[in-house]
Amino acid sequence: MDTNPAPHQSVRQQSEASTITAHRLDAVLGDLADLLETIPGSADTDPTPCTEYDTATLRRHVVGWLTAFADGFSSPNGRCSDFDVVTVEGTGAEQVRTAAGRLTNVLPEAATRPLFIGEASLPGDMALSMILWEYQMHGWDLAVATGRPWAPAEDGLLASLDFAPAMLTPDFQGPGRPFAPAVDVPADSPVLDRLLGLSGRDPHWTP
C-alpha cells in the first residue's frame, strides 16, 4: 500500500485536508461522548456487532485507543501510548471529551508527521483519516447495540467511504483479520450503510 501523499497534492492542500478531517473527527467524538453518557452500566454485557466485544469491552476499546491516539499526536516523537492500560472512568464520556480536546489543541499541525502505533507507523494525515473512520464505525457499534441513534455528518462519511478501500487490504479484511469480510449493500443505500458494509458490518444487525 502506497502511503505517500499524491504527487500533485501540495503541502498546503494536505494541511487544508487535515484541518477538515480534524473538524469532522471532533464532531464525531462529541457525538460519541454524548452517546456514552446515555448507555447504562446494565448494558455492559450486551452483545455488539464486533462479535468479540460486549458493550463494556467495546467501551474500553474506544476510550483506550482514543487516549493512545491523543497521546501520540500530542507527543513530540509521535508515539502512541499503550491503549490496554487505560481504565474507563464512569461512562467514559469525559475521557472522550478530554482526548478530543487534546487532539483539537495539536491538530492539524501534528498530522504533518508520522504517528507511531507500536512498531508500525502511518503518515499523520492518513492516521487521522483512519481514526475518523474507526470512530464513525465504533460509534455505530455502540449505538445499535444499545438501541440508540447514530448519525454522523454525511460529508465525513463520504470521506471515509473514499478513504477506507486503501486500508482494507487482504491483510486487514477477512476471516481472522481486524475487519470482517465486506457485506453486500445496495449501491443506492444511505452512505452510512454503504460504509458499514464496506467495513464488514451488516447495517441491519440487531442484538
C-alpha atoms as a PDB file:
ATOM      1  CA  MET A   1       0.000   0.000   0.000  1.00  0.00           C
ATOM      2  CA  ASP A   2       1.391   3.376  -1.014  1.00  0.00           C
ATOM      3  CA  THR A   3       1.164   5.699   1.973  1.00  0.00           C
ATOM      4  CA  ASN A   4       2.859   8.674   0.341  1.00  0.00           C
ATOM      5  CA  PRO A   5       0.811  11.791  -0.456  1.00  0.00           C
ATOM      6  CA  ALA A   6      -0.303  12.115  -4.055  1.00  0.00           C
ATOM      7  CA  PRO A   7       2.430  13.925  -6.044  1.00  0.00           C
ATOM      8  CA  HIS A   8       0.017  16.617  -7.203  1.00  0.00           C
ATOM      9  CA  GLN A   9      -1.092  17.450  -3.664  1.00  0.00           C
ATOM     10  CA  SER A  10       0.748  20.423  -2.205  1.00  0.00           C
ATOM     11  CA  VAL A  11       1.705  20.770   1.446  1.00  0.00           C
ATOM     12  CA  ARG A  12      -0.944  23.470   1.726  1.00  0.00           C
ATOM     13  CA  GLN A  13      -3.591  21.149   0.291  1.00  0.00           C
ATOM     14  CA  GLN A  14      -2.567  18.397   2.712  1.00  0.00           C
ATOM     15  CA  SER A  15      -2.838  20.831   5.624  1.00  0.00           C
ATOM     16  CA  GLU A  16      -6.257  22.021   4.491  1.00  0.00           C
ATOM     17  CA  ALA A  17      -7.454  18.426   4.125  1.00  0.00           C
ATOM     18  CA  SER A  18      -6.178  17.556   7.616  1.00  0.00           C
ATOM     19  CA  THR A  19      -7.933  20.604   9.041  1.00  0.00           C
ATOM     20  CA  ILE A  20     -11.228  19.416   7.585  1.00  0.00           C
ATOM     21  CA  THR A  21     -10.657  15.860   8.848  1.00  0.00           C
ATOM     22  CA  ALA A  22      -9.799  17.148  12.322  1.00  0.00           C
ATOM     23  CA  HIS A  23     -13.047  19.139  12.465  1.00  0.00           C
ATOM     24  CA  ARG A  24     -15.022  16.097  11.339  1.00  0.00           C
ATOM     25  CA  LEU A  25     -13.345  13.918  13.953  1.00  0.00           C
ATOM     26  CA  ASP A  26     -14.058  16.446  16.692  1.00  0.00           C
ATOM     27  CA  ALA A  27     -17.763  16.379  15.782  1.00  0.00           C
ATOM     28  CA  VAL A  28     -17.858  12.567  15.799  1.00  0.00           C
ATOM     29  CA  LEU A  29     -16.108  12.426  19.170  1.00  0.00           C
ATOM     30  CA  GLY A  30     -18.573  14.924  20.597  1.00  0.00           C
ATOM     31  CA  ASP A  31     -21.413  12.684  19.426  1.00  0.00           C
ATOM     32  CA  LEU A  32     -19.628   9.647  20.871  1.00  0.00           C
ATOM     33  CA  ALA A  33     -19.250  11.290  24.288  1.00  0.00           C
ATOM     34  CA  ASP A  34     -22.937  12.190  24.296  1.00  0.00           C
ATOM     35  CA  LEU A  35     -23.788   8.612  23.325  1.00  0.00           C
ATOM     36  CA  LEU A  36     -21.639   7.079  26.046  1.00  0.00           C
ATOM     37  CA  GLU A  37     -23.380   9.180  28.675  1.00  0.00           C
ATOM     38  CA  THR A  38     -26.690   7.544  27.789  1.00  0.00           C
ATOM     39  CA  ILE A  39     -25.507   3.922  27.997  1.00  0.00           C
ATOM     40  CA  PRO A  40     -26.188   2.486  31.453  1.00  0.00           C
ATOM     41  CA  GLY A  41     -23.933   0.034  33.205  1.00  0.00           C
ATOM     42  CA  SER A  42     -26.724  -2.533  32.939  1.00  0.00           C
ATOM     43  CA  ALA A  43     -25.901  -2.757  29.202  1.00  0.00           C
ATOM     44  CA  ASP A  44     -22.290  -3.809  29.819  1.00  0.00           C
ATOM     45  CA  THR A  45     -22.851  -7.435  28.855  1.00  0.00           C
ATOM     46  CA  ASP A  46     -24.982  -6.661  25.793  1.00  0.00           C
ATOM     47  CA  PRO A  47     -23.585  -8.025  22.516  1.00  0.00           C
ATOM     48  CA  THR A  48     -22.278  -5.682  19.827  1.00  0.00           C
ATOM     49  CA  PRO A  49     -21.663  -6.055  16.079  1.00  0.00           C
ATOM     50  CA  CYS A  50     -17.988  -6.606  16.997  1.00  0.00           C
ATOM     51  CA  THR A  51     -18.582 -10.227  17.905  1.00  0.00           C
ATOM     52  CA  GLU A  52     -15.602 -10.489  20.252  1.00  0.00           C
ATOM     53  CA  TYR A  53     -16.699  -7.453  22.273  1.00  0.00           C
ATOM     54  CA  ASP A  54     -19.627  -6.881  24.581  1.00  0.00           C
ATOM     55  CA  THR A  55     -20.621  -3.269  25.289  1.00  0.00           C
ATOM     56  CA  ALA A  56     -18.251  -2.846  28.223  1.00  0.00           C
ATOM     57  CA  THR A  57     -15.294  -4.261  26.299  1.00  0.00           C
ATOM     58  CA  LEU A  58     -16.030  -2.070  23.293  1.00  0.00           C
ATOM     59  CA  ARG A  59     -16.330   0.973  25.555  1.00  0.00           C
ATOM     60  CA  ARG A  60     -12.866   0.202  26.968  1.00  0.00           C
ATOM     61  CA  HIS A  61     -11.547  -0.281  23.445  1.00  0.00           C
ATOM     62  CA  VAL A  62     -12.749   3.077  22.136  1.00  0.00           C
ATOM     63  CA  VAL A  63     -11.690   5.019  25.244  1.00  0.00           C
ATOM     64  CA  GLY A  64      -8.311   3.277  25.440  1.00  0.00           C
ATOM     65  CA  TRP A  65      -7.417   3.722  21.801  1.00  0.00           C
ATOM     66  CA  LEU A  66      -8.603   7.329  21.686  1.00  0.00           C
ATOM     67  CA  THR A  67      -6.403   8.102  24.685  1.00  0.00           C
ATOM     68  CA  ALA A  68      -3.481   6.392  22.936  1.00  0.00           C
ATOM     69  CA  PHE A  69      -4.067   8.363  19.732  1.00  0.00           C
ATOM     70  CA  ALA A  70      -4.276  11.647  21.647  1.00  0.00           C
ATOM     71  CA  ASP A  71      -1.013  10.767  23.424  1.00  0.00           C
ATOM     72  CA  GLY A  72       0.637  10.008  20.088  1.00  0.00           C
ATOM     73  CA  PHE A  73      -0.420  13.174  18.310  1.00  0.00           C
ATOM     74  CA  SER A  74       0.471  15.238  21.414  1.00  0.00           C
ATOM     75  CA  SER A  75       3.910  13.655  21.841  1.00  0.00           C
ATOM     76  CA  PRO A  76       6.991  15.188  20.163  1.00  0.00           C
ATOM     77  CA  ASN A  77       8.008  11.721  18.950  1.00  0.00           C
ATOM     78  CA  GLY A  78       4.526  10.834  17.709  1.00  0.00           C
ATOM     79  CA  ARG A  79       4.370   7.596  19.682  1.00  0.00           C
ATOM     80  CA  CYS A  80       1.023   6.332  20.918  1.00  0.00           C
ATOM     81  CA  SER A  81       0.783   5.048  24.459  1.00  0.00           C
ATOM     82  CA  ASP A  82      -0.487   1.594  25.401  1.00  0.00           C
ATOM     83  CA  PHE A  83      -4.253   1.626  24.929  1.00  0.00           C
ATOM     84  CA  ASP A  84      -4.679  -1.504  27.041  1.00  0.00           C
ATOM     85  CA  VAL A  85      -3.695   0.118  30.346  1.00  0.00           C
ATOM     86  CA  VAL A  86      -6.443   2.763  30.239  1.00  0.00           C
ATOM     87  CA  THR A  87      -9.224   2.316  32.789  1.00  0.00           C
ATOM     88  CA  VAL A  88     -12.675   3.603  31.891  1.00  0.00           C
ATOM     89  CA  GLU A  89     -13.958   6.097  34.423  1.00  0.00           C
ATOM     90  CA  GLY A  90     -17.733   6.022  34.732  1.00  0.00           C
ATOM     91  CA  THR A  91     -19.280   6.053  31.276  1.00  0.00           C
ATOM     92  CA  GLY A  92     -16.027   7.112  29.616  1.00  0.00           C
ATOM     93  CA  ALA A  93     -17.707  10.220  28.186  1.00  0.00           C
ATOM     94  CA  GLU A  94     -15.437  12.706  29.967  1.00  0.00           C
ATOM     95  CA  GLN A  95     -12.351  10.773  28.892  1.00  0.00           C
ATOM     96  CA  VAL A  96     -13.508  11.026  25.299  1.00  0.00           C
ATOM     97  CA  ARG A  97     -14.077  14.767  25.681  1.00  0.00           C
ATOM     98  CA  THR A  98     -10.652  15.202  27.261  1.00  0.00           C
ATOM     99  CA  ALA A  99      -8.916  13.275  24.483  1.00  0.00           C
ATOM    100  CA  ALA A 100     -10.891  15.204  21.856  1.00  0.00           C
ATOM    101  CA  GLY A 101      -9.764  18.474  23.443  1.00  0.00           C
ATOM    102  CA  ARG A 102      -6.145  17.369  23.387  1.00  0.00           C
ATOM    103  CA  LEU A 103      -6.438  16.486  19.700  1.00  0.00           C
ATOM    104  CA  THR A 104      -8.005  19.864  18.958  1.00  0.00           C
ATOM    105  CA  ASN A 105      -5.017  21.556  20.620  1.00  0.00           C
ATOM    106  CA  VAL A 106      -2.431  19.860  18.368  1.00  0.00           C
ATOM    107  CA  LEU A 107      -4.238  19.199  15.078  1.00  0.00           C
ATOM    108  CA  PRO A 108      -3.843  19.676  12.181  1.00  0.00           C
ATOM    109  CA  GLU A 109      -0.157  20.526  12.763  1.00  0.00           C
ATOM    110  CA  ALA A 110       0.531  17.157  14.441  1.00  0.00           C
ATOM    111  CA  ALA A 111      -0.765  15.366  11.354  1.00  0.00           C
ATOM    112  CA  THR A 112       2.238  16.587   9.344  1.00  0.00           C
ATOM    113  CA  ARG A 113       4.468  13.944  10.960  1.00  0.00           C
ATOM    114  CA  PRO A 114       4.140  10.176  11.318  1.00  0.00           C
ATOM    115  CA  LEU A 115       2.078   8.577  14.064  1.00  0.00           C
ATOM    116  CA  PHE A 116       3.709   5.504  15.607  1.00  0.00           C
ATOM    117  CA  ILE A 117       1.359   2.742  16.754  1.00  0.00           C
ATOM    118  CA  GLY A 118       3.504   0.070  18.365  1.00  0.00           C
ATOM    119  CA  GLU A 119       6.169  -0.858  15.820  1.00  0.00           C
ATOM    120  CA  ALA A 120       4.133   0.434  12.885  1.00  0.00           C
ATOM    121  CA  SER A 121       3.817   3.986  11.642  1.00  0.00           C
ATOM    122  CA  LEU A 122       1.456   5.882   9.389  1.00  0.00           C
ATOM    123  CA  PRO A 123       1.685   9.338   7.863  1.00  0.00           C
ATOM    124  CA  GLY A 124      -0.144  11.603  10.275  1.00  0.00           C
ATOM    125  CA  ASP A 125      -2.790  12.680   7.795  1.00  0.00           C
ATOM    126  CA  MET A 126      -3.542   9.061   6.922  1.00  0.00           C
ATOM    127  CA  ALA A 127      -3.740   8.136  10.611  1.00  0.00           C
ATOM    128  CA  LEU A 128      -6.159  10.994  11.185  1.00  0.00           C
ATOM    129  CA  SER A 129      -8.457   9.753   8.401  1.00  0.00           C
ATOM    130  CA  MET A 130      -8.214   6.222   9.773  1.00  0.00           C
ATOM    131  CA  ILE A 131      -9.245   7.392  13.246  1.00  0.00           C
ATOM    132  CA  LEU A 132     -12.228   9.311  11.870  1.00  0.00           C
ATOM    133  CA  TRP A 133     -13.393   6.181  10.037  1.00  0.00           C
ATOM    134  CA  GLU A 134     -12.830   3.950  13.067  1.00  0.00           C
ATOM    135  CA  TYR A 135     -14.854   6.156  15.412  1.00  0.00           C
ATOM    136  CA  GLN A 136     -17.679   6.581  12.927  1.00  0.00           C
ATOM    137  CA  MET A 137     -17.910   2.775  12.921  1.00  0.00           C
ATOM    138  CA  HIS A 138     -17.448   2.133  16.634  1.00  0.00           C
ATOM    139  CA  GLY A 139     -19.971   4.826  17.460  1.00  0.00           C
ATOM    140  CA  TRP A 140     -22.468   2.929  15.351  1.00  0.00           C
ATOM    141  CA  ASP A 141     -21.463  -0.352  17.017  1.00  0.00           C
ATOM    142  CA  LEU A 142     -22.263   1.038  20.462  1.00  0.00           C
ATOM    143  CA  ALA A 143     -25.399   2.819  19.329  1.00  0.00           C
ATOM    144  CA  VAL A 144     -27.008  -0.116  17.542  1.00  0.00           C
ATOM    145  CA  ALA A 145     -26.041  -2.480  20.364  1.00  0.00           C
ATOM    146  CA  THR A 146     -27.917  -0.325  22.870  1.00  0.00           C
ATOM    147  CA  GLY A 147     -30.818   0.938  20.747  1.00  0.00           C
ATOM    148  CA  ARG A 148     -29.597   4.496  20.331  1.00  0.00           C
ATOM    149  CA  PRO A 149     -29.353   6.756  17.267  1.00  0.00           C
ATOM    150  CA  TRP A 150     -26.076   7.392  15.454  1.00  0.00           C
ATOM    151  CA  ALA A 151     -25.972   9.837  12.556  1.00  0.00           C
ATOM    152  CA  PRO A 152     -22.534  11.280  11.738  1.00  0.00           C
ATOM    153  CA  ALA A 153     -22.407  14.073   9.163  1.00  0.00           C
ATOM    154  CA  GLU A 154     -22.663  12.786   5.605  1.00  0.00           C
ATOM    155  CA  ASP A 155     -19.612  14.660   4.328  1.00  0.00           C
ATOM    156  CA  GLY A 156     -17.410  12.844   6.844  1.00  0.00           C
ATOM    157  CA  LEU A 157     -18.963   9.501   5.960  1.00  0.00           C
ATOM    158  CA  LEU A 158     -18.337  10.134   2.260  1.00  0.00           C
ATOM    159  CA  ALA A 159     -14.710  10.999   3.025  1.00  0.00           C
ATOM    160  CA  SER A 160     -14.318   7.696   4.897  1.00  0.00           C
ATOM    161  CA  LEU A 161     -16.053   5.805   2.102  1.00  0.00           C
ATOM    162  CA  ASP A 162     -13.402   7.183  -0.234  1.00  0.00           C
ATOM    163  CA  PHE A 163     -10.544   6.539   2.212  1.00  0.00           C
ATOM    164  CA  ALA A 164     -11.341   3.080   3.567  1.00  0.00           C
ATOM    165  CA  PRO A 165     -10.707   0.896   0.474  1.00  0.00           C
ATOM    166  CA  ALA A 166      -6.989   1.706   0.541  1.00  0.00           C
ATOM    167  CA  MET A 167      -6.798   0.324   4.095  1.00  0.00           C
ATOM    168  CA  LEU A 168      -8.921  -2.772   3.524  1.00  0.00           C
ATOM    169  CA  THR A 169      -6.200  -4.932   2.042  1.00  0.00           C
ATOM    170  CA  PRO A 170      -6.259  -8.760   2.374  1.00  0.00           C
ATOM    171  CA  ASP A 171      -4.017  -8.376   5.437  1.00  0.00           C
ATOM    172  CA  PHE A 172      -6.722  -6.397   7.223  1.00  0.00           C
ATOM    173  CA  GLN A 173     -10.048  -7.752   5.985  1.00  0.00           C
ATOM    174  CA  GLY A 174     -11.301 -11.303   6.017  1.00  0.00           C
ATOM    175  CA  PRO A 175     -11.537 -14.256   8.408  1.00  0.00           C
ATOM    176  CA  GLY A 176      -9.304 -13.732  11.430  1.00  0.00           C
ATOM    177  CA  ARG A 177      -8.436 -10.174  10.351  1.00  0.00           C
ATOM    178  CA  PRO A 178      -9.209  -6.849  12.071  1.00  0.00           C
ATOM    179  CA  PHE A 179     -12.140  -6.277   9.689  1.00  0.00           C
ATOM    180  CA  ALA A 180     -14.745  -8.887   8.780  1.00  0.00           C
ATOM    181  CA  PRO A 181     -15.382  -9.542   5.085  1.00  0.00           C
ATOM    182  CA  ALA A 182     -17.370  -6.837   3.326  1.00  0.00           C
ATOM    183  CA  VAL A 183     -21.147  -7.135   3.482  1.00  0.00           C
ATOM    184  CA  ASP A 184     -23.030  -6.650   0.226  1.00  0.00           C
ATOM    185  CA  VAL A 185     -25.076  -3.443   0.444  1.00  0.00           C
ATOM    186  CA  PRO A 186     -27.146  -1.995  -2.442  1.00  0.00           C
ATOM    187  CA  ALA A 187     -25.383   0.848  -4.227  1.00  0.00           C
ATOM    188  CA  ASP A 188     -28.306   3.212  -3.604  1.00  0.00           C
ATOM    189  CA  SER A 189     -28.260   2.641   0.178  1.00  0.00           C
ATOM    190  CA  PRO A 190     -27.591   5.552   2.563  1.00  0.00           C
ATOM    191  CA  VAL A 191     -23.910   6.436   2.804  1.00  0.00           C
ATOM    192  CA  LEU A 192     -23.663   5.165   6.402  1.00  0.00           C
ATOM    193  CA  ASP A 193     -24.988   1.770   5.333  1.00  0.00           C
ATOM    194  CA  ARG A 194     -22.526   1.619   2.442  1.00  0.00           C
ATOM    195  CA  LEU A 195     -19.619   2.439   4.747  1.00  0.00           C
ATOM    196  CA  LEU A 196     -20.797  -0.136   7.270  1.00  0.00           C
ATOM    197  CA  GLY A 197     -20.989  -2.821   4.599  1.00  0.00           C
ATOM    198  CA  LEU A 198     -17.558  -1.955   3.249  1.00  0.00           C
ATOM    199  CA  SER A 199     -16.230  -2.177   6.823  1.00  0.00           C
ATOM    200  CA  GLY A 200     -17.616  -5.676   7.335  1.00  0.00           C
ATOM    201  CA  ARG A 201     -20.774  -4.752   9.214  1.00  0.00           C
ATOM    202  CA  ASP A 202     -24.368  -5.635   8.450  1.00  0.00           C
ATOM    203  CA  PRO A 203     -26.356  -2.370   8.539  1.00  0.00           C
ATOM    204  CA  HIS A 204     -29.409  -4.385   9.658  1.00  0.00           C
ATOM    205  CA  TRP A 205     -27.658  -6.054  12.600  1.00  0.00           C
ATOM    206  CA  THR A 206     -29.710  -6.363  15.764  1.00  0.00           C
ATOM    207  CA  PRO A 207     -28.696  -7.646  19.230  1.00  0.00           C
END
